[in-house]
Amino acid sequence: MLLNLSVIAIGYLLGSIPSAYIMSKLRKGIDIRDVDTGNMGAGSVIRQVGLWEGIVVIIADVAKGAAAILIAQALGVSLFWVLGAGLAALLGHNFPVYVGFRGGQGMATIIGIFLILDPMAMAIVFAIMAVALLVTRQIFSTIAIAGPFLPLIVWLLGGSAILILYSLVIVVVSLSRNVYRLKEVKERIVRNKE
């Protein structure tokens, strides 16, 4: 049981590594959560710090999700706990312990999780995300459009019932977080106008 709980803790602590925060502090001396949309993610870093810094953040955030799954698998825990480690990494990204639980949206972390669990499904969803991002130019819209395709594609590719259910849970967590972030952004805009 201790090993099972350890992979959850490892996943959460990995997910909590605030790559966008670290990059923006190192390169510009700013708290990325206090500028742009207030989101601690690669999109904000690209807009406020630079393209290459944002790409590094994307890679780091994808790596967090992938590493959580790979470590859990390497430790030989059951699939339930492997999936739990991935979810913990996402929650760590969204609510990071290191910086006051104010995190990002988690899309890159989800990509990392599913690159390991179901790389073909993730590749297809990634293509959908790329098209949605080119058309909308908004991260929230991209997630809202592409996210629901994940469980469907996992199912169409013959994924197990547990993986389909897990992808559905991940999408619900992600979309819920993004709706909350959108509300925060709107409230911030109203406050700035006052």
N, C-alpha and C. Protein backbone atom coordinates (compact mmCIF):
# COMPACT_ATOMS: atom_id res chain seq x y z
N MET A 1 0.83 -1.20 0.00
CA MET A 1 0.00 0.00 0.00
C MET A 1 0.87 1.26 0.00
N LEU A 2 1.99 1.19 0.70
CA LEU A 2 2.89 2.34 0.77
C LEU A 2 3.43 2.69 -0.62
N LEU A 3 3.74 1.66 -1.40
CA LEU A 3 4.24 1.89 -2.76
C LEU A 3 3.16 2.55 -3.62
N ASN A 4 1.93 2.07 -3.48
CA ASN A 4 0.81 2.65 -4.24
C ASN A 4 0.63 4.14 -3.92
N LEU A 5 0.65 4.45 -2.62
CA LEU A 5 0.49 5.85 -2.21
C LEU A 5 1.70 6.68 -2.64
N SER A 6 2.86 6.04 -2.69
CA SER A 6 4.07 6.75 -3.11
C SER A 6 3.98 7.21 -4.56
N VAL A 7 3.40 6.38 -5.44
CA VAL A 7 3.31 6.80 -6.84
C VAL A 7 2.34 7.96 -7.01
N ILE A 8 1.31 8.01 -6.16
CA ILE A 8 0.39 9.15 -6.19
C ILE A 8 1.12 10.42 -5.74
N ALA A 9 1.89 10.30 -4.65
CA ALA A 9 2.65 11.45 -4.15
C ALA A 9 3.69 11.91 -5.17
N ILE A 10 4.37 10.96 -5.78
CA ILE A 10 5.38 11.29 -6.80
C ILE A 10 4.71 12.01 -7.97
N GLY A 11 3.58 11.47 -8.42
CA GLY A 11 2.85 12.09 -9.53
C GLY A 11 2.46 13.52 -9.20
N TYR A 12 1.91 13.71 -8.01
CA TYR A 12 1.47 15.05 -7.62
C TYR A 12 2.66 16.02 -7.53
N LEU A 13 3.74 15.58 -6.90
CA LEU A 13 4.90 16.46 -6.74
C LEU A 13 5.56 16.78 -8.08
N LEU A 14 5.60 15.80 -8.98
CA LEU A 14 6.11 16.07 -10.33
C LEU A 14 5.22 17.08 -11.05
N GLY A 15 3.91 16.84 -10.98
CA GLY A 15 2.97 17.75 -11.63
C GLY A 15 3.03 19.15 -11.07
N SER A 16 3.39 19.26 -9.80
CA SER A 16 3.45 20.56 -9.13
C SER A 16 4.65 21.41 -9.54
N ILE A 17 5.62 20.82 -10.22
CA ILE A 17 6.79 21.61 -10.63
C ILE A 17 6.31 22.74 -11.54
N PRO A 18 6.44 23.98 -11.10
CA PRO A 18 5.83 25.11 -11.82
C PRO A 18 6.74 25.64 -12.94
N SER A 19 6.84 24.90 -14.02
CA SER A 19 7.79 25.25 -15.08
C SER A 19 7.54 26.63 -15.67
N ALA A 20 6.28 27.00 -15.86
CA ALA A 20 5.97 28.33 -16.41
C ALA A 20 6.38 29.43 -15.43
N TYR A 21 6.12 29.19 -14.17
CA TYR A 21 6.49 30.16 -13.12
C TYR A 21 8.01 30.32 -13.07
N ILE A 22 8.72 29.19 -13.06
CA ILE A 22 10.19 29.21 -12.99
C ILE A 22 10.77 29.93 -14.21
N MET A 23 10.27 29.59 -15.39
CA MET A 23 10.80 30.19 -16.62
C MET A 23 10.57 31.70 -16.64
N SER A 24 9.36 32.12 -16.28
CA SER A 24 9.07 33.56 -16.33
C SER A 24 9.86 34.33 -15.28
N LYS A 25 10.10 33.71 -14.12
CA LYS A 25 10.92 34.35 -13.08
C LYS A 25 12.37 34.45 -13.53
N LEU A 26 12.89 33.37 -14.10
CA LEU A 26 14.29 33.36 -14.53
C LEU A 26 14.56 34.32 -15.68
N ARG A 27 13.65 34.36 -16.65
CA ARG A 27 13.91 35.13 -17.87
C ARG A 27 13.47 36.59 -17.79
N LYS A 28 12.36 36.85 -17.07
CA LYS A 28 11.85 38.23 -17.03
C LYS A 28 11.64 38.77 -15.62
N GLY A 29 11.83 37.92 -14.61
CA GLY A 29 11.62 38.37 -13.23
C GLY A 29 10.16 38.63 -12.89
N ILE A 30 9.23 38.00 -13.62
CA ILE A 30 7.81 38.22 -13.36
C ILE A 30 7.15 36.94 -12.86
N ASP A 31 6.04 37.11 -12.16
CA ASP A 31 5.19 35.98 -11.79
C ASP A 31 4.15 35.87 -12.90
N ILE A 32 4.24 34.81 -13.68
CA ILE A 32 3.39 34.65 -14.86
C ILE A 32 1.91 34.66 -14.49
N ARG A 33 1.58 34.36 -13.25
CA ARG A 33 0.18 34.34 -12.81
C ARG A 33 -0.37 35.74 -12.58
N ASP A 34 0.52 36.74 -12.55
CA ASP A 34 0.07 38.12 -12.33
C ASP A 34 -0.01 38.94 -13.61
N VAL A 35 0.28 38.31 -14.74
CA VAL A 35 0.22 39.00 -16.03
C VAL A 35 -0.61 38.17 -17.01
N ASP A 36 -0.83 38.73 -18.18
CA ASP A 36 -1.55 38.02 -19.23
C ASP A 36 -2.92 37.58 -18.71
N THR A 37 -3.27 36.30 -18.88
CA THR A 37 -4.57 35.82 -18.41
C THR A 37 -4.51 35.33 -16.96
N GLY A 38 -3.31 35.33 -16.38
CA GLY A 38 -3.16 34.81 -15.02
C GLY A 38 -2.95 33.31 -14.98
N ASN A 39 -2.90 32.68 -16.15
CA ASN A 39 -2.72 31.24 -16.22
C ASN A 39 -1.24 30.88 -16.18
N MET A 40 -0.90 29.89 -15.40
CA MET A 40 0.48 29.44 -15.31
C MET A 40 0.71 28.34 -16.34
N GLY A 41 0.82 28.76 -17.60
CA GLY A 41 1.01 27.79 -18.67
C GLY A 41 1.88 28.32 -19.78
N ALA A 42 2.13 27.46 -20.75
CA ALA A 42 3.03 27.80 -21.84
C ALA A 42 2.51 28.94 -22.71
N GLY A 43 1.20 29.00 -22.92
CA GLY A 43 0.63 30.07 -23.73
C GLY A 43 0.96 31.44 -23.16
N SER A 44 0.81 31.59 -21.86
CA SER A 44 1.13 32.86 -21.21
C SER A 44 2.62 33.15 -21.32
N VAL A 45 3.45 32.12 -21.18
CA VAL A 45 4.90 32.31 -21.28
C VAL A 45 5.28 32.74 -22.70
N ILE A 46 4.68 32.14 -23.70
CA ILE A 46 4.96 32.53 -25.09
C ILE A 46 4.62 34.01 -25.30
N ARG A 47 3.46 34.43 -24.81
CA ARG A 47 3.03 35.81 -25.02
C ARG A 47 3.84 36.81 -24.20
N GLN A 48 4.23 36.45 -22.97
CA GLN A 48 4.85 37.41 -22.07
C GLN A 48 6.37 37.31 -21.98
N VAL A 49 6.92 36.14 -22.31
CA VAL A 49 8.36 35.95 -22.15
C VAL A 49 9.03 35.68 -23.50
N GLY A 50 8.51 34.73 -24.25
CA GLY A 50 9.10 34.43 -25.55
C GLY A 50 8.72 33.06 -26.06
N LEU A 51 8.84 32.88 -27.36
CA LEU A 51 8.45 31.62 -28.00
C LEU A 51 9.28 30.44 -27.50
N TRP A 52 10.61 30.59 -27.48
CA TRP A 52 11.47 29.47 -27.10
C TRP A 52 11.27 29.11 -25.64
N GLU A 53 11.08 30.11 -24.81
CA GLU A 53 10.81 29.82 -23.39
C GLU A 53 9.49 29.06 -23.25
N GLY A 54 8.49 29.44 -24.04
CA GLY A 54 7.21 28.74 -24.01
C GLY A 54 7.33 27.31 -24.47
N ILE A 55 8.15 27.07 -25.50
CA ILE A 55 8.37 25.71 -25.98
C ILE A 55 9.03 24.85 -24.91
N VAL A 56 9.99 25.43 -24.19
CA VAL A 56 10.63 24.70 -23.08
C VAL A 56 9.59 24.34 -22.02
N VAL A 57 8.70 25.28 -21.73
CA VAL A 57 7.64 25.01 -20.73
C VAL A 57 6.72 23.90 -21.21
N ILE A 58 6.35 23.91 -22.48
CA ILE A 58 5.50 22.85 -23.02
C ILE A 58 6.18 21.49 -22.85
N ILE A 59 7.45 21.43 -23.22
CA ILE A 59 8.19 20.16 -23.10
C ILE A 59 8.24 19.70 -21.64
N ALA A 60 8.52 20.65 -20.74
CA ALA A 60 8.59 20.30 -19.31
C ALA A 60 7.25 19.81 -18.79
N ASP A 61 6.16 20.46 -19.21
CA ASP A 61 4.84 20.06 -18.72
C ASP A 61 4.39 18.72 -19.30
N VAL A 62 4.74 18.46 -20.57
CA VAL A 62 4.46 17.14 -21.15
C VAL A 62 5.27 16.08 -20.40
N ALA A 63 6.53 16.40 -20.10
CA ALA A 63 7.41 15.45 -19.40
C ALA A 63 6.88 15.10 -18.02
N LYS A 64 6.25 16.06 -17.34
CA LYS A 64 5.70 15.78 -16.00
C LYS A 64 4.65 14.68 -16.05
N GLY A 65 3.72 14.80 -17.01
CA GLY A 65 2.68 13.78 -17.14
C GLY A 65 3.25 12.43 -17.54
N ALA A 66 4.16 12.45 -18.51
CA ALA A 66 4.76 11.20 -18.97
C ALA A 66 5.58 10.54 -17.87
N ALA A 67 6.35 11.34 -17.14
CA ALA A 67 7.20 10.79 -16.07
C ALA A 67 6.38 10.16 -14.96
N ALA A 68 5.26 10.78 -14.61
CA ALA A 68 4.41 10.22 -13.56
C ALA A 68 3.95 8.81 -13.93
N ILE A 69 3.53 8.64 -15.18
CA ILE A 69 3.07 7.32 -15.64
C ILE A 69 4.24 6.34 -15.73
N LEU A 70 5.34 6.77 -16.30
CA LEU A 70 6.49 5.88 -16.47
C LEU A 70 7.06 5.42 -15.13
N ILE A 71 7.14 6.31 -14.16
CA ILE A 71 7.65 5.94 -12.84
C ILE A 71 6.72 4.92 -12.18
N ALA A 72 5.41 5.19 -12.26
CA ALA A 72 4.45 4.25 -11.67
C ALA A 72 4.55 2.88 -12.33
N GLN A 73 4.68 2.86 -13.65
CA GLN A 73 4.83 1.59 -14.36
C GLN A 73 6.12 0.88 -13.97
N ALA A 74 7.20 1.65 -13.86
CA ALA A 74 8.50 1.07 -13.50
C ALA A 74 8.49 0.48 -12.10
N LEU A 75 7.68 1.05 -11.22
CA LEU A 75 7.59 0.54 -9.85
C LEU A 75 6.66 -0.67 -9.75
N GLY A 76 6.01 -1.01 -10.86
CA GLY A 76 5.23 -2.25 -10.92
C GLY A 76 3.90 -2.23 -10.20
N VAL A 77 3.32 -1.05 -10.00
CA VAL A 77 2.01 -0.99 -9.35
C VAL A 77 0.93 -1.36 -10.36
N SER A 78 -0.26 -1.64 -9.88
CA SER A 78 -1.35 -2.04 -10.77
C SER A 78 -1.80 -0.85 -11.63
N LEU A 79 -2.56 -1.16 -12.67
CA LEU A 79 -3.03 -0.12 -13.59
C LEU A 79 -3.80 0.97 -12.86
N PHE A 80 -4.60 0.61 -11.89
CA PHE A 80 -5.38 1.59 -11.13
C PHE A 80 -4.46 2.67 -10.55
N TRP A 81 -3.33 2.25 -9.98
CA TRP A 81 -2.41 3.20 -9.35
C TRP A 81 -1.58 3.95 -10.38
N VAL A 82 -1.31 3.30 -11.51
CA VAL A 82 -0.63 4.00 -12.61
C VAL A 82 -1.50 5.16 -13.08
N LEU A 83 -2.79 4.87 -13.28
CA LEU A 83 -3.72 5.92 -13.71
C LEU A 83 -3.86 6.99 -12.63
N GLY A 84 -3.86 6.57 -11.39
CA GLY A 84 -3.93 7.53 -10.28
C GLY A 84 -2.73 8.46 -10.26
N ALA A 85 -1.57 7.94 -10.60
CA ALA A 85 -0.36 8.77 -10.65
C ALA A 85 -0.49 9.84 -11.73
N GLY A 86 -1.06 9.47 -12.88
CA GLY A 86 -1.29 10.44 -13.95
C GLY A 86 -2.27 11.53 -13.53
N LEU A 87 -3.37 11.11 -12.91
CA LEU A 87 -4.35 12.09 -12.43
C LEU A 87 -3.73 13.00 -11.37
N ALA A 88 -2.91 12.43 -10.51
CA ALA A 88 -2.22 13.23 -9.48
C ALA A 88 -1.29 14.26 -10.12
N ALA A 89 -0.63 13.87 -11.21
CA ALA A 89 0.25 14.83 -11.91
C ALA A 89 -0.56 15.98 -12.48
N LEU A 90 -1.73 15.68 -13.05
CA LEU A 90 -2.60 16.73 -13.57
C LEU A 90 -3.07 17.66 -12.46
N LEU A 91 -3.49 17.07 -11.35
CA LEU A 91 -3.93 17.89 -10.21
C LEU A 91 -2.78 18.71 -9.64
N GLY A 92 -1.57 18.13 -9.65
CA GLY A 92 -0.39 18.88 -9.22
C GLY A 92 -0.14 20.07 -10.11
N HIS A 93 -0.29 19.89 -11.42
CA HIS A 93 -0.11 21.01 -12.34
C HIS A 93 -1.16 22.09 -12.10
N ASN A 94 -2.40 21.67 -11.92
CA ASN A 94 -3.49 22.62 -11.73
C ASN A 94 -3.44 23.31 -10.37
N PHE A 95 -2.99 22.57 -9.35
CA PHE A 95 -2.95 23.10 -7.98
C PHE A 95 -1.59 22.78 -7.34
N PRO A 96 -0.54 23.46 -7.81
CA PRO A 96 0.83 23.11 -7.38
C PRO A 96 1.14 23.56 -5.95
N VAL A 97 1.62 22.64 -5.16
CA VAL A 97 1.93 22.91 -3.76
C VAL A 97 3.05 23.93 -3.62
N TYR A 98 3.96 23.98 -4.58
CA TYR A 98 5.14 24.84 -4.47
C TYR A 98 4.84 26.32 -4.62
N VAL A 99 3.73 26.66 -5.26
CA VAL A 99 3.44 28.08 -5.51
C VAL A 99 2.00 28.43 -5.15
N GLY A 100 1.60 28.00 -3.98
CA GLY A 100 0.30 28.42 -3.45
C GLY A 100 -0.92 27.87 -4.16
N PHE A 101 -0.78 26.71 -4.81
CA PHE A 101 -1.91 26.01 -5.43
C PHE A 101 -2.57 26.79 -6.57
N ARG A 102 -1.85 27.76 -7.15
CA ARG A 102 -2.35 28.52 -8.30
C ARG A 102 -1.60 28.06 -9.55
N GLY A 103 -2.19 27.12 -10.26
CA GLY A 103 -1.49 26.52 -11.38
C GLY A 103 -2.09 26.82 -12.73
N GLY A 104 -1.84 25.92 -13.66
CA GLY A 104 -2.26 26.11 -15.04
C GLY A 104 -3.45 25.25 -15.40
N GLN A 105 -3.67 25.11 -16.71
CA GLN A 105 -4.83 24.39 -17.21
C GLN A 105 -4.55 22.90 -17.40
N GLY A 106 -3.31 22.53 -17.64
CA GLY A 106 -2.94 21.12 -17.64
C GLY A 106 -2.97 20.40 -18.97
N MET A 107 -3.17 21.11 -20.07
CA MET A 107 -3.27 20.41 -21.35
C MET A 107 -1.98 19.68 -21.72
N ALA A 108 -0.84 20.32 -21.52
CA ALA A 108 0.43 19.67 -21.86
C ALA A 108 0.68 18.46 -20.98
N THR A 109 0.28 18.54 -19.72
CA THR A 109 0.44 17.41 -18.80
C THR A 109 -0.44 16.23 -19.25
N ILE A 110 -1.64 16.52 -19.71
CA ILE A 110 -2.53 15.47 -20.24
C ILE A 110 -1.90 14.82 -21.47
N ILE A 111 -1.31 15.64 -22.32
CA ILE A 111 -0.63 15.09 -23.50
C ILE A 111 0.44 14.10 -23.06
N GLY A 112 1.23 14.48 -22.06
CA GLY A 112 2.27 13.59 -21.55
C GLY A 112 1.72 12.29 -21.01
N ILE A 113 0.63 12.38 -20.26
CA ILE A 113 0.00 11.18 -19.69
C ILE A 113 -0.41 10.22 -20.80
N PHE A 114 -1.10 10.75 -21.82
CA PHE A 114 -1.64 9.88 -22.86
C PHE A 114 -0.63 9.51 -23.94
N LEU A 115 0.47 10.25 -24.01
CA LEU A 115 1.55 9.81 -24.91
C LEU A 115 2.08 8.45 -24.46
N ILE A 116 2.02 8.19 -23.16
CA ILE A 116 2.47 6.90 -22.63
C ILE A 116 1.34 5.88 -22.63
N LEU A 117 0.15 6.29 -22.18
CA LEU A 117 -0.96 5.34 -22.04
C LEU A 117 -1.54 4.91 -23.38
N ASP A 118 -1.70 5.85 -24.31
CA ASP A 118 -2.30 5.55 -25.61
C ASP A 118 -1.76 6.54 -26.65
N PRO A 119 -0.53 6.29 -27.11
CA PRO A 119 0.12 7.27 -27.99
C PRO A 119 -0.64 7.55 -29.29
N MET A 120 -1.29 6.53 -29.86
CA MET A 120 -2.02 6.76 -31.11
C MET A 120 -3.22 7.69 -30.89
N ALA A 121 -3.99 7.44 -29.82
CA ALA A 121 -5.13 8.32 -29.52
C ALA A 121 -4.64 9.74 -29.26
N MET A 122 -3.53 9.87 -28.53
CA MET A 122 -3.02 11.20 -28.22
C MET A 122 -2.54 11.91 -29.47
N ALA A 123 -1.94 11.19 -30.39
CA ALA A 123 -1.48 11.79 -31.65
C ALA A 123 -2.66 12.36 -32.44
N ILE A 124 -3.76 11.62 -32.47
CA ILE A 124 -4.95 12.09 -33.20
C ILE A 124 -5.54 13.31 -32.51
N VAL A 125 -5.66 13.25 -31.18
CA VAL A 125 -6.20 14.40 -30.43
C VAL A 125 -5.28 15.61 -30.58
N PHE A 126 -3.98 15.36 -30.58
CA PHE A 126 -3.02 16.45 -30.76
C PHE A 126 -3.23 17.14 -32.12
N ALA A 127 -3.49 16.35 -33.15
CA ALA A 127 -3.76 16.92 -34.48
C ALA A 127 -5.03 17.77 -34.45
N ILE A 128 -6.05 17.28 -33.76
CA ILE A 128 -7.29 18.05 -33.61
C ILE A 128 -7.02 19.35 -32.86
N MET A 129 -6.21 19.26 -31.80
CA MET A 129 -5.85 20.45 -31.02
C MET A 129 -5.11 21.47 -31.88
N ALA A 130 -4.19 20.99 -32.71
CA ALA A 130 -3.41 21.90 -33.55
C ALA A 130 -4.33 22.66 -34.50
N VAL A 131 -5.27 21.96 -35.12
CA VAL A 131 -6.22 22.61 -36.03
C VAL A 131 -7.09 23.60 -35.26
N ALA A 132 -7.60 23.18 -34.09
CA ALA A 132 -8.46 24.06 -33.29
C ALA A 132 -7.70 25.31 -32.85
N LEU A 133 -6.44 25.15 -32.48
CA LEU A 133 -5.63 26.29 -32.05
C LEU A 133 -5.37 27.25 -33.22
N LEU A 134 -5.10 26.70 -34.39
CA LEU A 134 -4.89 27.55 -35.57
C LEU A 134 -6.14 28.35 -35.92
N VAL A 135 -7.30 27.71 -35.74
CA VAL A 135 -8.56 28.38 -36.09
C VAL A 135 -8.98 29.39 -35.02
N THR A 136 -8.93 28.98 -33.75
CA THR A 136 -9.47 29.83 -32.67
C THR A 136 -8.43 30.76 -32.06
N ARG A 137 -7.17 30.32 -32.08
CA ARG A 137 -6.07 31.07 -31.44
C ARG A 137 -6.29 31.27 -29.94
N GLN A 138 -7.09 30.39 -29.33
CA GLN A 138 -7.37 30.46 -27.90
C GLN A 138 -7.20 29.09 -27.27
N ILE A 139 -6.43 29.05 -26.18
CA ILE A 139 -6.19 27.78 -25.48
C ILE A 139 -7.49 27.20 -24.95
N PHE A 140 -8.33 28.04 -24.32
CA PHE A 140 -9.58 27.54 -23.74
C PHE A 140 -10.44 26.88 -24.82
N SER A 141 -10.60 27.57 -25.96
CA SER A 141 -11.41 27.01 -27.05
C SER A 141 -10.81 25.72 -27.59
N THR A 142 -9.50 25.69 -27.68
CA THR A 142 -8.81 24.49 -28.16
C THR A 142 -9.10 23.30 -27.27
N ILE A 143 -9.01 23.52 -25.96
CA ILE A 143 -9.28 22.44 -25.00
C ILE A 143 -10.74 22.02 -25.07
N ALA A 144 -11.65 23.01 -25.14
CA ALA A 144 -13.08 22.71 -25.20
C ALA A 144 -13.45 21.93 -26.45
N ILE A 145 -12.77 22.22 -27.56
CA ILE A 145 -13.06 21.52 -28.83
C ILE A 145 -12.42 20.13 -28.85
N ALA A 146 -11.13 20.07 -28.53
CA ALA A 146 -10.39 18.81 -28.69
C ALA A 146 -10.59 17.83 -27.54
N GLY A 147 -10.75 18.34 -26.32
CA GLY A 147 -10.84 17.47 -25.14
C GLY A 147 -11.86 16.35 -25.25
N PRO A 148 -13.11 16.66 -25.61
CA PRO A 148 -14.12 15.60 -25.68
C PRO A 148 -13.82 14.50 -26.69
N PHE A 149 -12.92 14.75 -27.64
CA PHE A 149 -12.56 13.72 -28.61
C PHE A 149 -11.72 12.61 -27.98
N LEU A 150 -11.02 12.91 -26.87
CA LEU A 150 -10.10 11.92 -26.30
C LEU A 150 -10.79 10.60 -25.95
N PRO A 151 -11.86 10.60 -25.12
CA PRO A 151 -12.50 9.30 -24.80
C PRO A 151 -13.05 8.61 -26.05
N LEU A 152 -13.58 9.41 -26.97
CA LEU A 152 -14.14 8.84 -28.20
C LEU A 152 -13.05 8.13 -29.01
N ILE A 153 -11.91 8.77 -29.15
CA ILE A 153 -10.82 8.19 -29.95
C ILE A 153 -10.22 6.98 -29.24
N VAL A 154 -10.08 7.06 -27.92
CA VAL A 154 -9.60 5.89 -27.16
C VAL A 154 -10.53 4.71 -27.41
N TRP A 155 -11.83 4.97 -27.39
CA TRP A 155 -12.83 3.92 -27.64
C TRP A 155 -12.74 3.39 -29.07
N LEU A 156 -12.66 4.31 -30.05
CA LEU A 156 -12.60 3.89 -31.45
C LEU A 156 -11.35 3.06 -31.76
N LEU A 157 -10.27 3.33 -31.01
CA LEU A 157 -9.03 2.58 -31.23
C LEU A 157 -8.97 1.29 -30.41
N GLY A 158 -10.09 0.96 -29.76
CA GLY A 158 -10.16 -0.30 -29.03
C GLY A 158 -9.55 -0.28 -27.65
N GLY A 159 -9.49 0.90 -27.04
CA GLY A 159 -8.97 1.00 -25.68
C GLY A 159 -9.85 0.25 -24.68
N SER A 160 -9.25 -0.14 -23.57
CA SER A 160 -10.01 -0.86 -22.55
C SER A 160 -11.05 0.05 -21.92
N ALA A 161 -12.06 -0.57 -21.29
CA ALA A 161 -13.12 0.20 -20.63
C ALA A 161 -12.54 1.12 -19.57
N ILE A 162 -11.53 0.65 -18.84
CA ILE A 162 -10.94 1.46 -17.78
C ILE A 162 -10.21 2.68 -18.37
N LEU A 163 -9.56 2.50 -19.51
CA LEU A 163 -8.86 3.62 -20.14
C LEU A 163 -9.85 4.62 -20.73
N ILE A 164 -10.95 4.13 -21.27
CA ILE A 164 -12.00 5.03 -21.78
C ILE A 164 -12.58 5.85 -20.64
N LEU A 165 -12.91 5.17 -19.54
CA LEU A 165 -13.45 5.87 -18.36
C LEU A 165 -12.44 6.87 -17.82
N TYR A 166 -11.18 6.47 -17.75
CA TYR A 166 -10.12 7.35 -17.25
C TYR A 166 -9.98 8.60 -18.13
N SER A 167 -10.02 8.40 -19.45
CA SER A 167 -9.90 9.55 -20.35
C SER A 167 -11.08 10.49 -20.18
N LEU A 168 -12.26 9.93 -19.90
CA LEU A 168 -13.44 10.74 -19.65
C LEU A 168 -13.27 11.56 -18.37
N VAL A 169 -12.75 10.92 -17.32
CA VAL A 169 -12.50 11.63 -16.05
C VAL A 169 -11.50 12.76 -16.27
N ILE A 170 -10.42 12.47 -17.00
CA ILE A 170 -9.39 13.48 -17.28
C ILE A 170 -10.00 14.67 -18.02
N VAL A 171 -10.84 14.40 -19.00
CA VAL A 171 -11.47 15.47 -19.77
C VAL A 171 -12.39 16.31 -18.88
N VAL A 172 -13.17 15.65 -18.03
CA VAL A 172 -14.07 16.38 -17.13
C VAL A 172 -13.27 17.26 -16.16
N VAL A 173 -12.19 16.72 -15.60
CA VAL A 173 -11.33 17.51 -14.71
C VAL A 173 -10.76 18.70 -15.45
N SER A 174 -10.27 18.47 -16.65
CA SER A 174 -9.66 19.54 -17.44
C SER A 174 -10.67 20.62 -17.81
N LEU A 175 -11.82 20.20 -18.33
CA LEU A 175 -12.82 21.20 -18.73
C LEU A 175 -13.36 21.96 -17.53
N SER A 176 -13.54 21.28 -16.40
CA SER A 176 -14.00 21.95 -15.18
C SER A 176 -12.99 23.01 -14.75
N ARG A 177 -11.73 22.65 -14.80
CA ARG A 177 -10.66 23.59 -14.44
C ARG A 177 -10.65 24.79 -15.39
N ASN A 178 -10.86 24.52 -16.67
CA ASN A 178 -10.83 25.60 -17.64
C ASN A 178 -12.03 26.52 -17.55
N VAL A 179 -13.20 25.98 -17.20
CA VAL A 179 -14.37 26.83 -16.97
C VAL A 179 -14.10 27.73 -15.77
N TYR A 180 -13.52 27.17 -14.72
CA TYR A 180 -13.17 27.96 -13.53
C TYR A 180 -12.15 29.04 -13.89
N ARG A 181 -11.15 28.69 -14.71
CA ARG A 181 -10.13 29.67 -15.12
C ARG A 181 -10.76 30.80 -15.94
N LEU A 182 -11.70 30.45 -16.81
CA LEU A 182 -12.37 31.46 -17.62
C LEU A 182 -13.12 32.44 -16.73
N LYS A 183 -13.78 31.90 -15.70
CA LYS A 183 -14.49 32.76 -14.74
C LYS A 183 -13.50 33.69 -14.03
N GLU A 184 -12.34 33.15 -13.63
CA GLU A 184 -11.31 33.97 -12.97
C GLU A 184 -10.84 35.10 -13.88
N VAL A 185 -10.62 34.77 -15.16
CA VAL A 185 -10.14 35.77 -16.12
C VAL A 185 -11.17 36.88 -16.28
N LYS A 186 -12.45 36.51 -16.40
CA LYS A 186 -13.51 37.51 -16.55
C LYS A 186 -13.58 38.42 -15.31
N GLU A 187 -13.46 37.80 -14.12
CA GLU A 187 -13.49 38.60 -12.89
C GLU A 187 -12.28 39.53 -12.82
N ARG A 188 -11.14 39.06 -13.29
CA ARG A 188 -9.94 39.88 -13.30
C ARG A 188 -10.08 41.07 -14.24
N ILE A 189 -10.68 40.85 -15.41
CA ILE A 189 -10.91 41.94 -16.36
C ILE A 189 -11.82 43.00 -15.76
N VAL A 190 -12.88 42.54 -15.09
CA VAL A 190 -13.82 43.47 -14.45
C VAL A 190 -13.10 44.28 -13.36
N ARG A 191 -12.29 43.62 -12.55
CA ARG A 191 -11.55 44.31 -11.48
C ARG A 191 -10.59 45.35 -12.06
N ASN A 192 -9.92 45.01 -13.16
CA ASN A 192 -8.97 45.93 -13.79
C ASN A 192 -9.64 47.15 -14.37
N LYS A 193 -10.92 47.02 -14.77
CA LYS A 193 -11.65 48.16 -15.32
C LYS A 193 -12.14 49.11 -14.24
N GLU A 194 -12.28 48.59 -13.02
CA GLU A 194 -12.80 49.43 -11.93
C GLU A 194 -11.76 50.39 -11.40
